[in-house]
Amino acid sequence: MSRVGNKPIEIPAGVSVQIQPGNVRVKGPKAELAFALPHNITVEQKDKVLVVVAGKGGGDQTRALHGMARARIANIVLGVVKDFSKNLELNGLGFRAEVVGEKLKMTLGFSHPVEFALPKGIRVEVDKKQTKVTVLGSDKELVGQTAATIRSLKKPEPYKGFGIRYEGERVHRKAGKTAAGAGAGGAKK
């Protein structure tokens, strides 16, 4: 069995859990989230602890889904109490972002501003310099996917490092072209 899947999940105060066949619904002070259980995986509640149980048979796939299901449920239980966040940095001349209603409006070096519609359940905060963007939400998967989608609008390029990157992300830099020699086309005489 999975080591991660066997760990119990403690339920914080103020959080209620409903276990239905094939589904777990968690309600807390910040949000209400649900998770559809994979085939052959069940959840049991004992006092203030959830235990994810893998069914008999199924082999390798059931063992893999056991750990994944436990991790996802633990993230949901934590997410209804406090928000998850991902930080992004905008690097480039004139790169900036601002929140306009339910959209993130960014200037990324294109001939036009780029507008990104925020999914339901996601908030975005921008710092005073307008170069750091924080994606916040209760659903860890949705926060990560939203941050990845925003990053994909202008990935960091390897020569000067311009683009959107995760906070602390290291971008492998390449050396630019150098002159091979004097003369037309760089050919030596």
C-alpha atoms as a PDB file:
ATOM      1  CA  MET A   1       0.000   0.000   0.000  1.00  0.00           C
ATOM      2  CA  SER A   2       0.950   3.608  -0.425  1.00  0.00           C
ATOM      3  CA  ARG A   3       2.820   5.296   2.433  1.00  0.00           C
ATOM      4  CA  VAL A   4       1.172   8.623   1.653  1.00  0.00           C
ATOM      5  CA  GLY A   5      -2.252   6.994   1.347  1.00  0.00           C
ATOM      6  CA  ASN A   6      -2.019   5.407   4.791  1.00  0.00           C
ATOM      7  CA  LYS A   7      -1.473   8.717   6.633  1.00  0.00           C
ATOM      8  CA  PRO A   8      -4.605   9.939   8.425  1.00  0.00           C
ATOM      9  CA  ILE A   9      -6.017  13.382   7.631  1.00  0.00           C
ATOM     10  CA  GLU A  10      -6.880  15.495  10.679  1.00  0.00           C
ATOM     11  CA  ILE A  11     -10.025  17.597  10.351  1.00  0.00           C
ATOM     12  CA  PRO A  12      -9.539  21.147  11.741  1.00  0.00           C
ATOM     13  CA  ALA A  13     -12.148  22.822  13.931  1.00  0.00           C
ATOM     14  CA  GLY A  14     -14.974  24.438  11.988  1.00  0.00           C
ATOM     15  CA  VAL A  15     -14.724  22.000   9.068  1.00  0.00           C
ATOM     16  CA  SER A  16     -17.490  19.509   8.235  1.00  0.00           C
ATOM     17  CA  VAL A  17     -17.042  16.477   5.995  1.00  0.00           C
ATOM     18  CA  GLN A  18     -19.769  14.581   4.134  1.00  0.00           C
ATOM     19  CA  ILE A  19     -18.815  11.178   2.768  1.00  0.00           C
ATOM     20  CA  GLN A  20     -21.059   9.847   0.019  1.00  0.00           C
ATOM     21  CA  PRO A  21     -20.482   6.846  -2.253  1.00  0.00           C
ATOM     22  CA  GLY A  22     -17.772   7.934  -4.684  1.00  0.00           C
ATOM     23  CA  ASN A  23     -17.607  11.500  -3.386  1.00  0.00           C
ATOM     24  CA  VAL A  24     -16.218  13.537  -0.470  1.00  0.00           C
ATOM     25  CA  ARG A  25     -17.581  17.022   0.229  1.00  0.00           C
ATOM     26  CA  VAL A  26     -15.735  19.340   2.632  1.00  0.00           C
ATOM     27  CA  LYS A  27     -17.205  22.597   3.933  1.00  0.00           C
ATOM     28  CA  GLY A  28     -15.244  25.174   5.912  1.00  0.00           C
ATOM     29  CA  PRO A  29     -15.175  28.873   6.716  1.00  0.00           C
ATOM     30  CA  LYS A  30     -13.594  29.890   3.366  1.00  0.00           C
ATOM     31  CA  ALA A  31     -15.139  27.517   0.823  1.00  0.00           C
ATOM     32  CA  GLU A  32     -16.958  24.298   0.046  1.00  0.00           C
ATOM     33  CA  LEU A  33     -15.038  21.802  -2.111  1.00  0.00           C
ATOM     34  CA  ALA A  34     -15.714  18.286  -3.356  1.00  0.00           C
ATOM     35  CA  PHE A  35     -13.586  15.423  -4.661  1.00  0.00           C
ATOM     36  CA  ALA A  36     -14.795  12.472  -6.733  1.00  0.00           C
ATOM     37  CA  LEU A  37     -13.128   9.322  -5.430  1.00  0.00           C
ATOM     38  CA  PRO A  38     -11.390   7.018  -7.912  1.00  0.00           C
ATOM     39  CA  HIS A  39     -12.692   3.474  -8.407  1.00  0.00           C
ATOM     40  CA  ASN A  40     -11.787   1.078  -5.578  1.00  0.00           C
ATOM     41  CA  ILE A  41     -10.929   3.913  -3.101  1.00  0.00           C
ATOM     42  CA  THR A  42     -13.098   4.727  -0.061  1.00  0.00           C
ATOM     43  CA  VAL A  43     -12.920   7.205   2.815  1.00  0.00           C
ATOM     44  CA  GLU A  44     -13.805   6.531   6.446  1.00  0.00           C
ATOM     45  CA  GLN A  45     -14.268   9.112   9.201  1.00  0.00           C
ATOM     46  CA  LYS A  46     -13.215   8.229  12.753  1.00  0.00           C
ATOM     47  CA  ASP A  47     -13.786  11.067  15.243  1.00  0.00           C
ATOM     48  CA  LYS A  48     -11.874  14.078  13.805  1.00  0.00           C
ATOM     49  CA  VAL A  49      -9.735  12.005  11.418  1.00  0.00           C
ATOM     50  CA  LEU A  50     -10.261  10.851   7.823  1.00  0.00           C
ATOM     51  CA  VAL A  51      -8.679   7.614   6.610  1.00  0.00           C
ATOM     52  CA  VAL A  52      -8.392   6.803   2.902  1.00  0.00           C
ATOM     53  CA  VAL A  53      -8.723   3.060   2.224  1.00  0.00           C
ATOM     54  CA  ALA A  54      -7.720   1.225  -0.952  1.00  0.00           C
ATOM     55  CA  GLY A  55      -9.914  -1.705  -1.909  1.00  0.00           C
ATOM     56  CA  LYS A  56      -8.654  -5.240  -2.452  1.00  0.00           C
ATOM     57  CA  GLY A  57      -7.338  -6.029  -5.914  1.00  0.00           C
ATOM     58  CA  GLY A  58      -6.698  -3.491  -8.615  1.00  0.00           C
ATOM     59  CA  GLY A  59      -2.905  -3.774  -8.445  1.00  0.00           C
ATOM     60  CA  ASP A  60      -0.496  -0.955  -9.191  1.00  0.00           C
ATOM     61  CA  GLN A  61      -3.094   1.525 -10.362  1.00  0.00           C
ATOM     62  CA  THR A  62      -5.097   1.253  -7.125  1.00  0.00           C
ATOM     63  CA  ARG A  63      -1.927   1.783  -5.069  1.00  0.00           C
ATOM     64  CA  ALA A  64      -1.042   4.871  -7.120  1.00  0.00           C
ATOM     65  CA  LEU A  65      -4.559   6.298  -6.860  1.00  0.00           C
ATOM     66  CA  HIS A  66      -4.597   5.611  -3.102  1.00  0.00           C
ATOM     67  CA  GLY A  67      -1.779   8.111  -2.424  1.00  0.00           C
ATOM     68  CA  MET A  68      -3.106  10.622  -4.937  1.00  0.00           C
ATOM     69  CA  ALA A  69      -6.621  10.533  -3.446  1.00  0.00           C
ATOM     70  CA  ARG A  70      -5.282  11.035   0.080  1.00  0.00           C
ATOM     71  CA  ALA A  71      -3.144  14.006  -1.029  1.00  0.00           C
ATOM     72  CA  ARG A  72      -6.039  15.642  -2.896  1.00  0.00           C
ATOM     73  CA  ILE A  73      -8.430  15.214   0.063  1.00  0.00           C
ATOM     74  CA  ALA A  74      -5.801  16.613   2.461  1.00  0.00           C
ATOM     75  CA  ASN A  75      -5.400  19.648   0.162  1.00  0.00           C
ATOM     76  CA  ILE A  76      -9.166  20.169   0.100  1.00  0.00           C
ATOM     77  CA  VAL A  77      -9.407  19.963   3.910  1.00  0.00           C
ATOM     78  CA  LEU A  78      -6.575  22.497   4.233  1.00  0.00           C
ATOM     79  CA  GLY A  79      -7.968  24.723   1.441  1.00  0.00           C
ATOM     80  CA  VAL A  80     -11.342  25.318   3.100  1.00  0.00           C
ATOM     81  CA  VAL A  81      -9.492  26.778   6.107  1.00  0.00           C
ATOM     82  CA  LYS A  82      -6.729  28.834   4.445  1.00  0.00           C
ATOM     83  CA  ASP A  83      -5.940  29.934   0.891  1.00  0.00           C
ATOM     84  CA  PHE A  84      -3.189  28.480  -1.264  1.00  0.00           C
ATOM     85  CA  SER A  85      -1.007  30.910  -3.202  1.00  0.00           C
ATOM     86  CA  LYS A  86       1.442  31.028  -6.100  1.00  0.00           C
ATOM     87  CA  ASN A  87       3.670  34.038  -6.709  1.00  0.00           C
ATOM     88  CA  LEU A  88       4.660  35.196 -10.194  1.00  0.00           C
ATOM     89  CA  GLU A  89       7.207  37.827 -11.238  1.00  0.00           C
ATOM     90  CA  LEU A  90       7.019  39.933 -14.407  1.00  0.00           C
ATOM     91  CA  ASN A  91      10.524  40.621 -15.756  1.00  0.00           C
ATOM     92  CA  GLY A  92      10.960  42.947 -18.693  1.00  0.00           C
ATOM     93  CA  LEU A  93      11.027  46.568 -19.744  1.00  0.00           C
ATOM     94  CA  GLY A  94       7.549  47.996 -19.207  1.00  0.00           C
ATOM     95  CA  PHE A  95       6.068  44.674 -18.017  1.00  0.00           C
ATOM     96  CA  ARG A  96       3.314  45.314 -15.483  1.00  0.00           C
ATOM     97  CA  ALA A  97      -0.021  43.946 -14.311  1.00  0.00           C
ATOM     98  CA  GLU A  98      -3.207  45.265 -12.731  1.00  0.00           C
ATOM     99  CA  VAL A  99      -6.533  43.813 -11.656  1.00  0.00           C
ATOM    100  CA  VAL A 100      -9.516  45.247 -13.523  1.00  0.00           C
ATOM    101  CA  GLY A 101     -12.782  43.799 -12.230  1.00  0.00           C
ATOM    102  CA  GLU A 102     -12.642  40.016 -12.738  1.00  0.00           C
ATOM    103  CA  LYS A 103      -9.694  40.231 -15.156  1.00  0.00           C
ATOM    104  CA  LEU A 104      -5.940  40.492 -14.882  1.00  0.00           C
ATOM    105  CA  LYS A 105      -4.694  43.069 -17.393  1.00  0.00           C
ATOM    106  CA  MET A 106      -0.997  42.793 -18.283  1.00  0.00           C
ATOM    107  CA  THR A 107       1.432  44.700 -20.464  1.00  0.00           C
ATOM    108  CA  LEU A 108       3.907  42.076 -21.696  1.00  0.00           C
ATOM    109  CA  GLY A 109       5.764  43.721 -24.573  1.00  0.00           C
ATOM    110  CA  PHE A 110       3.135  42.937 -27.205  1.00  0.00           C
ATOM    111  CA  SER A 111       1.444  45.608 -29.322  1.00  0.00           C
ATOM    112  CA  HIS A 112      -1.660  45.235 -27.154  1.00  0.00           C
ATOM    113  CA  PRO A 113      -2.405  44.604 -23.454  1.00  0.00           C
ATOM    114  CA  VAL A 114      -3.204  41.005 -22.546  1.00  0.00           C
ATOM    115  CA  GLU A 115      -6.360  40.378 -20.515  1.00  0.00           C
ATOM    116  CA  PHE A 116      -6.775  37.142 -18.566  1.00  0.00           C
ATOM    117  CA  ALA A 117     -10.234  36.259 -17.221  1.00  0.00           C
ATOM    118  CA  LEU A 118      -9.943  34.847 -13.707  1.00  0.00           C
ATOM    119  CA  PRO A 119     -11.708  31.535 -13.022  1.00  0.00           C
ATOM    120  CA  LYS A 120     -14.386  31.363 -10.332  1.00  0.00           C
ATOM    121  CA  GLY A 121     -12.843  30.917  -6.895  1.00  0.00           C
ATOM    122  CA  ILE A 122      -9.515  32.591  -7.799  1.00  0.00           C
ATOM    123  CA  ARG A 123      -8.335  35.999  -6.582  1.00  0.00           C
ATOM    124  CA  VAL A 124      -5.276  37.887  -7.772  1.00  0.00           C
ATOM    125  CA  GLU A 125      -3.266  40.509  -5.911  1.00  0.00           C
ATOM    126  CA  VAL A 126      -0.687  42.796  -7.541  1.00  0.00           C
ATOM    127  CA  ASP A 127       2.041  44.665  -5.610  1.00  0.00           C
ATOM    128  CA  LYS A 128       2.598  48.438  -5.762  1.00  0.00           C
ATOM    129  CA  LYS A 129       5.292  48.180  -8.456  1.00  0.00           C
ATOM    130  CA  GLN A 130       2.897  46.078 -10.564  1.00  0.00           C
ATOM    131  CA  THR A 131       5.582  43.452 -11.234  1.00  0.00           C
ATOM    132  CA  LYS A 132       4.606  40.760  -8.703  1.00  0.00           C
ATOM    133  CA  VAL A 133       1.337  38.842  -9.051  1.00  0.00           C
ATOM    134  CA  THR A 134      -0.048  36.554  -6.335  1.00  0.00           C
ATOM    135  CA  VAL A 135      -2.686  33.987  -7.324  1.00  0.00           C
ATOM    136  CA  LEU A 136      -4.892  32.981  -4.348  1.00  0.00           C
ATOM    137  CA  GLY A 137      -7.652  30.414  -3.872  1.00  0.00           C
ATOM    138  CA  SER A 138      -8.988  27.499  -1.851  1.00  0.00           C
ATOM    139  CA  ASP A 139      -8.488  24.850  -4.553  1.00  0.00           C
ATOM    140  CA  LYS A 140      -4.766  24.049  -4.788  1.00  0.00           C
ATOM    141  CA  GLU A 141      -5.093  22.437  -8.221  1.00  0.00           C
ATOM    142  CA  LEU A 142      -6.957  25.439  -9.660  1.00  0.00           C
ATOM    143  CA  VAL A 143      -4.446  27.896  -8.154  1.00  0.00           C
ATOM    144  CA  GLY A 144      -1.534  26.000  -9.722  1.00  0.00           C
ATOM    145  CA  GLN A 145      -3.270  25.668 -13.092  1.00  0.00           C
ATOM    146  CA  THR A 146      -4.185  29.376 -13.166  1.00  0.00           C
ATOM    147  CA  ALA A 147      -0.600  30.390 -12.312  1.00  0.00           C
ATOM    148  CA  ALA A 148       0.724  28.068 -15.042  1.00  0.00           C
ATOM    149  CA  THR A 149      -1.715  29.515 -17.595  1.00  0.00           C
ATOM    150  CA  ILE A 150      -0.703  33.095 -16.711  1.00  0.00           C
ATOM    151  CA  ARG A 151       2.981  32.095 -16.989  1.00  0.00           C
ATOM    152  CA  SER A 152       2.368  30.540 -20.416  1.00  0.00           C
ATOM    153  CA  LEU A 153       1.232  33.932 -21.781  1.00  0.00           C
ATOM    154  CA  LYS A 154       4.890  35.047 -21.887  1.00  0.00           C
ATOM    155  CA  LYS A 155       7.344  32.352 -20.789  1.00  0.00           C
ATOM    156  CA  PRO A 156      10.785  33.580 -19.711  1.00  0.00           C
ATOM    157  CA  GLU A 157      13.141  33.621 -22.666  1.00  0.00           C
ATOM    158  CA  PRO A 158      16.703  32.328 -22.186  1.00  0.00           C
ATOM    159  CA  TYR A 159      18.738  35.277 -23.530  1.00  0.00           C
ATOM    160  CA  LYS A 160      17.655  38.258 -21.435  1.00  0.00           C
ATOM    161  CA  GLY A 161      15.222  36.525 -19.048  1.00  0.00           C
ATOM    162  CA  PHE A 162      12.194  38.610 -20.046  1.00  0.00           C
ATOM    163  CA  GLY A 163       8.824  37.030 -19.312  1.00  0.00           C
ATOM    164  CA  ILE A 164       6.656  35.748 -16.479  1.00  0.00           C
ATOM    165  CA  ARG A 165       8.268  33.349 -14.027  1.00  0.00           C
ATOM    166  CA  TYR A 166       7.439  31.782 -10.689  1.00  0.00           C
ATOM    167  CA  GLU A 167       8.972  33.515  -7.693  1.00  0.00           C
ATOM    168  CA  GLY A 168      12.433  32.056  -7.147  1.00  0.00           C
ATOM    169  CA  GLU A 169      12.389  30.163 -10.478  1.00  0.00           C
ATOM    170  CA  ARG A 170      15.816  29.880 -12.037  1.00  0.00           C
ATOM    171  CA  VAL A 171      15.876  30.433 -15.795  1.00  0.00           C
ATOM    172  CA  HIS A 172      18.817  28.843 -17.591  1.00  0.00           C
ATOM    173  CA  ARG A 173      20.461  31.702 -19.469  1.00  0.00           C
ATOM    174  CA  LYS A 174      22.195  31.324 -22.834  1.00  0.00           C
ATOM    175  CA  ALA A 175      25.037  33.393 -24.234  1.00  0.00           C
ATOM    176  CA  GLY A 176      24.136  35.571 -27.201  1.00  0.00           C
ATOM    177  CA  LYS A 177      25.783  35.494 -30.581  1.00  0.00           C
ATOM    178  CA  THR A 178      29.333  36.765 -30.854  1.00  0.00           C
ATOM    179  CA  ALA A 179      31.146  38.183 -33.855  1.00  0.00           C
ATOM    180  CA  ALA A 180      33.236  35.468 -35.551  1.00  0.00           C
ATOM    181  CA  GLY A 181      35.619  37.910 -37.163  1.00  0.00           C
ATOM    182  CA  ALA A 182      35.876  41.096 -39.144  1.00  0.00           C
ATOM    183  CA  GLY A 183      34.507  41.515 -42.644  1.00  0.00           C
ATOM    184  CA  ALA A 184      31.241  40.827 -44.421  1.00  0.00           C
ATOM    185  CA  GLY A 185      29.301  37.949 -42.952  1.00  0.00           C
ATOM    186  CA  GLY A 186      31.944  37.329 -40.331  1.00  0.00           C
ATOM    187  CA  ALA A 187      34.209  35.388 -42.733  1.00  0.00           C
ATOM    188  CA  LYS A 188      37.936  35.527 -42.098  1.00  0.00           C
ATOM    189  CA  LYS A 189      40.229  36.596 -44.928  1.00  0.00           C
END
